[in-house]
Amino acid sequence: MPVTFDTATIAGTALWAIALYLGFSPVADRVIAAFESWLGQGAAAASLLSVGPFLLIGGMVYYGLTLTMGDSWAVSLGVIAAVGCGVYELGRRDGQASE
């Protein structure tokens, strides 16, 4: 049986990946640094590769919410999480800049 991805699955996974990437940005920075040391001077490639683990975890969060609450709730909560984590990241960076 082939695996098919509908637009809700792609959108939900991407939203949760963005939310996790922004919410755990210090971890994302460490993942980027690890990929940079592994790749050498490939900062752009390391930045692109660092999204992979967050896409995987975001997909698992989306899948778990889909099983428990349904597709529409998983996408809706992904939107809320992405906006909330974006606001949190802006506040965190503003707090670091004012120190």
N, C-alpha and C. Protein backbone atom coordinates (compact mmCIF):
# COMPACT_ATOMS: atom_id res chain seq x y z
N MET A 1 0.85 -1.17 0.00
CA MET A 1 0.00 0.00 0.00
C MET A 1 0.90 1.24 0.00
N PRO A 2 0.80 2.11 -1.01
CA PRO A 2 1.65 3.30 -1.07
C PRO A 2 1.22 4.35 -0.04
N VAL A 3 2.18 5.08 0.42
CA VAL A 3 1.92 6.14 1.38
C VAL A 3 1.56 7.40 0.60
N THR A 4 0.42 7.99 0.94
CA THR A 4 0.01 9.24 0.29
C THR A 4 -0.06 10.34 1.33
N PHE A 5 0.29 11.53 0.93
CA PHE A 5 0.24 12.69 1.80
C PHE A 5 -0.75 13.69 1.24
N ASP A 6 -1.74 14.05 2.03
CA ASP A 6 -2.66 15.08 1.59
C ASP A 6 -2.16 16.44 2.07
N THR A 7 -2.85 17.48 1.66
CA THR A 7 -2.39 18.83 1.99
C THR A 7 -2.46 19.11 3.48
N ALA A 8 -3.42 18.52 4.18
CA ALA A 8 -3.52 18.73 5.63
C ALA A 8 -2.31 18.13 6.35
N THR A 9 -1.86 16.99 5.88
CA THR A 9 -0.69 16.35 6.50
C THR A 9 0.56 17.19 6.28
N ILE A 10 0.74 17.68 5.08
CA ILE A 10 1.92 18.51 4.78
C ILE A 10 1.86 19.81 5.57
N ALA A 11 0.70 20.46 5.58
CA ALA A 11 0.55 21.73 6.30
C ALA A 11 0.72 21.53 7.80
N GLY A 12 0.10 20.50 8.35
CA GLY A 12 0.21 20.25 9.78
C GLY A 12 1.63 19.94 10.21
N THR A 13 2.30 19.11 9.44
CA THR A 13 3.70 18.77 9.75
C THR A 13 4.59 20.00 9.68
N ALA A 14 4.40 20.81 8.64
CA ALA A 14 5.21 22.02 8.49
C ALA A 14 4.93 23.02 9.61
N LEU A 15 3.68 23.19 9.99
CA LEU A 15 3.35 24.11 11.08
C LEU A 15 3.95 23.66 12.40
N TRP A 16 3.85 22.38 12.68
CA TRP A 16 4.43 21.89 13.92
C TRP A 16 5.95 21.95 13.90
N ALA A 17 6.56 21.73 12.74
CA ALA A 17 8.01 21.85 12.63
C ALA A 17 8.45 23.29 12.87
N ILE A 18 7.72 24.25 12.30
CA ILE A 18 8.04 25.67 12.53
C ILE A 18 7.88 26.02 14.00
N ALA A 19 6.80 25.56 14.60
CA ALA A 19 6.57 25.85 16.02
C ALA A 19 7.69 25.27 16.89
N LEU A 20 8.09 24.05 16.63
CA LEU A 20 9.15 23.43 17.41
C LEU A 20 10.50 24.10 17.15
N TYR A 21 10.75 24.47 15.91
CA TYR A 21 12.01 25.14 15.56
C TYR A 21 12.12 26.48 16.27
N LEU A 22 11.03 27.24 16.31
CA LEU A 22 11.04 28.53 16.98
C LEU A 22 11.01 28.38 18.49
N GLY A 23 10.22 27.46 18.98
CA GLY A 23 10.10 27.26 20.42
C GLY A 23 11.36 26.73 21.07
N PHE A 24 12.10 25.96 20.34
CA PHE A 24 13.35 25.38 20.85
C PHE A 24 14.53 25.92 20.05
N SER A 25 14.56 27.24 19.83
CA SER A 25 15.61 27.82 18.99
C SER A 25 17.03 27.64 19.55
N PRO A 26 17.25 27.61 20.88
CA PRO A 26 18.61 27.29 21.33
C PRO A 26 19.04 25.88 20.91
N VAL A 27 18.11 24.94 20.92
CA VAL A 27 18.42 23.59 20.46
C VAL A 27 18.69 23.61 18.96
N ALA A 28 17.89 24.38 18.22
CA ALA A 28 18.10 24.49 16.77
C ALA A 28 19.47 25.08 16.47
N ASP A 29 19.90 26.07 17.26
CA ASP A 29 21.23 26.64 17.06
C ASP A 29 22.32 25.61 17.29
N ARG A 30 22.13 24.75 18.30
CA ARG A 30 23.12 23.70 18.55
C ARG A 30 23.14 22.65 17.45
N VAL A 31 21.95 22.35 16.89
CA VAL A 31 21.88 21.40 15.78
C VAL A 31 22.59 21.97 14.57
N ILE A 32 22.39 23.28 14.30
CA ILE A 32 23.08 23.93 13.18
C ILE A 32 24.58 23.89 13.40
N ALA A 33 25.03 24.18 14.62
CA ALA A 33 26.46 24.16 14.92
C ALA A 33 27.04 22.75 14.74
N ALA A 34 26.27 21.75 15.14
CA ALA A 34 26.75 20.37 14.97
C ALA A 34 26.88 20.01 13.49
N PHE A 35 25.90 20.42 12.69
CA PHE A 35 25.98 20.14 11.25
C PHE A 35 27.10 20.94 10.60
N GLU A 36 27.34 22.17 11.06
CA GLU A 36 28.44 22.98 10.51
C GLU A 36 29.78 22.33 10.79
N SER A 37 29.96 21.80 12.00
CA SER A 37 31.22 21.14 12.32
C SER A 37 31.36 19.84 11.53
N TRP A 38 30.26 19.20 11.25
CA TRP A 38 30.30 17.96 10.50
C TRP A 38 30.55 18.22 9.02
N LEU A 39 29.96 19.29 8.48
CA LEU A 39 30.10 19.60 7.05
C LEU A 39 31.29 20.50 6.73
N GLY A 40 31.84 21.16 7.73
CA GLY A 40 32.93 22.10 7.46
C GLY A 40 32.38 23.49 7.24
N GLN A 41 32.63 24.07 6.09
CA GLN A 41 32.22 25.44 5.81
C GLN A 41 30.81 25.55 5.24
N GLY A 42 30.04 24.52 5.26
CA GLY A 42 28.71 24.54 4.65
C GLY A 42 27.64 25.09 5.57
N ALA A 43 27.66 26.39 5.85
CA ALA A 43 26.70 26.99 6.76
C ALA A 43 25.29 26.94 6.19
N ALA A 44 25.14 27.18 4.90
CA ALA A 44 23.81 27.13 4.29
C ALA A 44 23.27 25.71 4.29
N ALA A 45 24.11 24.76 3.96
CA ALA A 45 23.68 23.36 3.97
C ALA A 45 23.36 22.90 5.38
N ALA A 46 24.13 23.34 6.36
CA ALA A 46 23.87 22.97 7.75
C ALA A 46 22.54 23.55 8.22
N SER A 47 22.24 24.76 7.80
CA SER A 47 20.97 25.38 8.17
C SER A 47 19.80 24.63 7.56
N LEU A 48 19.93 24.21 6.32
CA LEU A 48 18.87 23.44 5.68
C LEU A 48 18.72 22.05 6.30
N LEU A 49 19.83 21.41 6.61
CA LEU A 49 19.77 20.08 7.21
C LEU A 49 19.22 20.11 8.64
N SER A 50 19.39 21.22 9.33
CA SER A 50 18.93 21.30 10.72
C SER A 50 17.41 21.29 10.83
N VAL A 51 16.72 21.54 9.74
CA VAL A 51 15.25 21.52 9.76
C VAL A 51 14.74 20.08 9.78
N GLY A 52 15.53 19.15 9.30
CA GLY A 52 15.12 17.76 9.20
C GLY A 52 14.63 17.14 10.50
N PRO A 53 15.38 17.23 11.59
CA PRO A 53 14.89 16.65 12.83
C PRO A 53 13.60 17.29 13.32
N PHE A 54 13.44 18.58 13.08
CA PHE A 54 12.21 19.25 13.51
C PHE A 54 11.03 18.84 12.64
N LEU A 55 11.27 18.57 11.35
CA LEU A 55 10.21 18.04 10.49
C LEU A 55 9.79 16.65 10.95
N LEU A 56 10.75 15.85 11.34
CA LEU A 56 10.43 14.50 11.81
C LEU A 56 9.61 14.55 13.10
N ILE A 57 10.04 15.35 14.05
CA ILE A 57 9.32 15.45 15.32
C ILE A 57 7.96 16.13 15.09
N GLY A 58 7.93 17.16 14.23
CA GLY A 58 6.67 17.81 13.92
C GLY A 58 5.67 16.86 13.28
N GLY A 59 6.17 15.97 12.43
CA GLY A 59 5.30 14.95 11.84
C GLY A 59 4.75 13.99 12.88
N MET A 60 5.57 13.64 13.85
CA MET A 60 5.10 12.75 14.91
C MET A 60 4.05 13.44 15.79
N VAL A 61 4.28 14.73 16.10
CA VAL A 61 3.29 15.48 16.89
C VAL A 61 1.98 15.57 16.11
N TYR A 62 2.07 15.91 14.83
CA TYR A 62 0.87 16.01 13.99
C TYR A 62 0.15 14.66 13.94
N TYR A 63 0.88 13.60 13.74
CA TYR A 63 0.27 12.27 13.66
C TYR A 63 -0.41 11.90 14.97
N GLY A 64 0.25 12.20 16.09
CA GLY A 64 -0.35 11.91 17.40
C GLY A 64 -1.63 12.70 17.63
N LEU A 65 -1.60 13.98 17.25
CA LEU A 65 -2.81 14.79 17.42
C LEU A 65 -3.91 14.35 16.45
N THR A 66 -3.54 13.92 15.27
CA THR A 66 -4.53 13.43 14.31
C THR A 66 -5.22 12.18 14.83
N LEU A 67 -4.46 11.30 15.44
CA LEU A 67 -5.06 10.08 15.98
C LEU A 67 -5.99 10.37 17.15
N THR A 68 -5.64 11.36 17.96
CA THR A 68 -6.42 11.63 19.16
C THR A 68 -7.54 12.64 18.94
N MET A 69 -7.29 13.67 18.12
CA MET A 69 -8.27 14.75 17.99
C MET A 69 -8.81 14.96 16.59
N GLY A 70 -8.13 14.48 15.58
CA GLY A 70 -8.58 14.65 14.20
C GLY A 70 -7.69 15.62 13.43
N ASP A 71 -7.83 15.59 12.10
CA ASP A 71 -7.00 16.42 11.22
C ASP A 71 -7.15 17.91 11.48
N SER A 72 -8.39 18.37 11.57
CA SER A 72 -8.61 19.82 11.67
C SER A 72 -8.05 20.37 12.98
N TRP A 73 -8.18 19.61 14.05
CA TRP A 73 -7.62 20.07 15.33
C TRP A 73 -6.09 20.08 15.29
N ALA A 74 -5.52 19.10 14.65
CA ALA A 74 -4.05 19.04 14.58
C ALA A 74 -3.49 20.22 13.80
N VAL A 75 -4.14 20.60 12.71
CA VAL A 75 -3.69 21.76 11.93
C VAL A 75 -3.97 23.05 12.70
N SER A 76 -5.14 23.16 13.31
CA SER A 76 -5.48 24.36 14.07
C SER A 76 -4.52 24.58 15.24
N LEU A 77 -4.23 23.53 15.96
CA LEU A 77 -3.28 23.65 17.07
C LEU A 77 -1.87 23.95 16.55
N GLY A 78 -1.55 23.47 15.36
CA GLY A 78 -0.26 23.80 14.76
C GLY A 78 -0.15 25.28 14.45
N VAL A 79 -1.23 25.88 13.95
CA VAL A 79 -1.24 27.32 13.69
C VAL A 79 -1.06 28.09 14.99
N ILE A 80 -1.82 27.70 16.01
CA ILE A 80 -1.72 28.38 17.31
C ILE A 80 -0.31 28.23 17.89
N ALA A 81 0.25 27.04 17.80
CA ALA A 81 1.60 26.80 18.33
C ALA A 81 2.64 27.59 17.56
N ALA A 82 2.51 27.67 16.23
CA ALA A 82 3.49 28.41 15.43
C ALA A 82 3.44 29.90 15.76
N VAL A 83 2.25 30.46 15.89
CA VAL A 83 2.12 31.89 16.24
C VAL A 83 2.64 32.13 17.64
N GLY A 84 2.24 31.28 18.57
CA GLY A 84 2.70 31.44 19.96
C GLY A 84 4.20 31.32 20.10
N CYS A 85 4.80 30.36 19.44
CA CYS A 85 6.25 30.19 19.51
C CYS A 85 6.98 31.31 18.79
N GLY A 86 6.38 31.85 17.72
CA GLY A 86 6.98 33.00 17.04
C GLY A 86 7.01 34.23 17.94
N VAL A 87 5.91 34.47 18.65
CA VAL A 87 5.87 35.59 19.60
C VAL A 87 6.85 35.37 20.73
N TYR A 88 6.92 34.14 21.23
CA TYR A 88 7.89 33.82 22.29
C TYR A 88 9.32 34.07 21.83
N GLU A 89 9.64 33.66 20.61
CA GLU A 89 11.00 33.83 20.10
C GLU A 89 11.34 35.31 19.94
N LEU A 90 10.38 36.11 19.46
CA LEU A 90 10.61 37.55 19.36
C LEU A 90 10.87 38.16 20.73
N GLY A 91 10.10 37.77 21.72
CA GLY A 91 10.31 38.28 23.07
C GLY A 91 11.63 37.82 23.66
N ARG A 92 11.99 36.57 23.39
CA ARG A 92 13.26 36.04 23.92
C ARG A 92 14.45 36.80 23.32
N ARG A 93 14.39 37.04 22.02
CA ARG A 93 15.50 37.78 21.38
C ARG A 93 15.53 39.22 21.83
N ASP A 94 14.38 39.84 22.04
CA ASP A 94 14.34 41.21 22.53
C ASP A 94 14.90 41.29 23.95
N GLY A 95 14.60 40.28 24.76
CA GLY A 95 15.14 40.23 26.11
C GLY A 95 16.65 40.05 26.11
N GLN A 96 17.16 39.25 25.20
CA GLN A 96 18.61 39.06 25.10
C GLN A 96 19.30 40.34 24.62
N ALA A 97 18.65 41.07 23.72
CA ALA A 97 19.25 42.28 23.18
C ALA A 97 19.30 43.39 24.22
N SER A 98 18.35 43.40 25.15
CA SER A 98 18.34 44.48 26.13
C SER A 98 19.25 44.20 27.32
N GLU A 99 19.80 43.02 27.40
CA GLU A 99 20.71 42.71 28.54
C GLU A 99 22.07 43.33 28.35
